[in-house]
Amino acid sequence: MEGRVVWVRGIWEMVKEMLCQKLLTYHLPSSPLLRRPDQFSGLSVIVTGATSGIGLCTARELAVGGANVIMACRNTKAARGIARGWQREAQGRVIKLNVKVMGLDLLSLSSVRSFAGEWERLGKPLDLLINNAGILLMGEPQRFSGDGIEQHLQVNHVAPALLTLLLLPSLLRASSPRIINVNSVAHHCSVVDTKNWNLRVEDSKFSSIRAYGTSKLAQLMFLKILALKLLEKKASVQCIAVHPGIVTTNLVPEFRKKSFWMFDPAQGARSVLFCATDDQISENLVKGFAYYSSNCKPGKISPQAGDMDSCMEVWNKTLEISRLKTDYLEQV
């Protein structure tokens, strides 16, 4: 019964988003235009999934703004081609683009550890970590990664959580670091039961939308606990989750053709860039955490994400499944 209520409430939240996102964002520019070419000069930024959609637009805008952008992608060949294209476009301009490509496959936790180890060896501070990459296997049967984790859960939550934890030393070297998790209104559609994370279910009972929603809800709940624990240790890391709107991207093939009520990737990147760079964010943090919607304003989260005991269960299960000790933050 509870699951049915949650499902209906979640569908209603998504319908409201579809009907209202254009109206609620009419005051925003059609694309995330920068104020000046050197706006983010000196900042080091990692953007996962930067070869298409929101991640590509986000990475490009930050690079044009002078940031040192690391495109963390599975398809490094495509990423290098994109970076070269940006460099050609920037020829003759005052500022030179600083873009680096690094391989990262979120379907492999060993790839996450290798990426984090390679970055840490550079010894650089990390100002912004933008966990953008995600999957939604619409209408497909349940699948598991080589790590034995349901794929939505691994790509959308476990792997980004592990990446975030492993990059904390680098984030703590920066003066005002932020973690930005690209979330979704679909997190309202599910509940999280950590005891069932790795269970196989019958194809007739598996729902890719629910699995996607569960992964995004888990991501949100984990980030809330991380923010709280960092605040308790007086760390200055800001933790923000953001729903960018319903966007036409490669995430769902059926959504590649833009409908009138959908955002294009540049419009979807507006709220992500706002959360990554705007000074107003600090004013709306609650215990180090904030959730923003596509209109660049604080949004509504699922009731389960407001239950700190449930959030702590997600935190502990994530550490367990990532093979990190419960005192990992003390070690950092």
Foldseek 3Di string as FASTA:
>chain_A
DVLVVLQVVLVVLQVCLLVPVCVLQVVPDLFQDDPDQQQPAPAEEEFEPCLWFLNVSLQLRNQSNHYQYEYEYQCQVSVVVSVVVSQVVCPPPPHGGHYHYDYADLLDLVSLVVRLVVVVVVVAAHAEYELEDAAQPAPDFFDHGPLLFTRRQRNQALSVVSNCLSCVVRPLVDDAHEYERAAASLLSNEDDDLVCGRPHDDRVPDGSSHSNSRNRVLRLLLLLVVLLVCVVVVGNYAYEYEHLGAEQIPNDVVSVDPDPSHRYRRLSNNLVVCCSDPPCVVVPDDSRYFYYYNNNHGDDDHPLSVDNVSSVVSNVSSCVSSVHDPCSVVVD
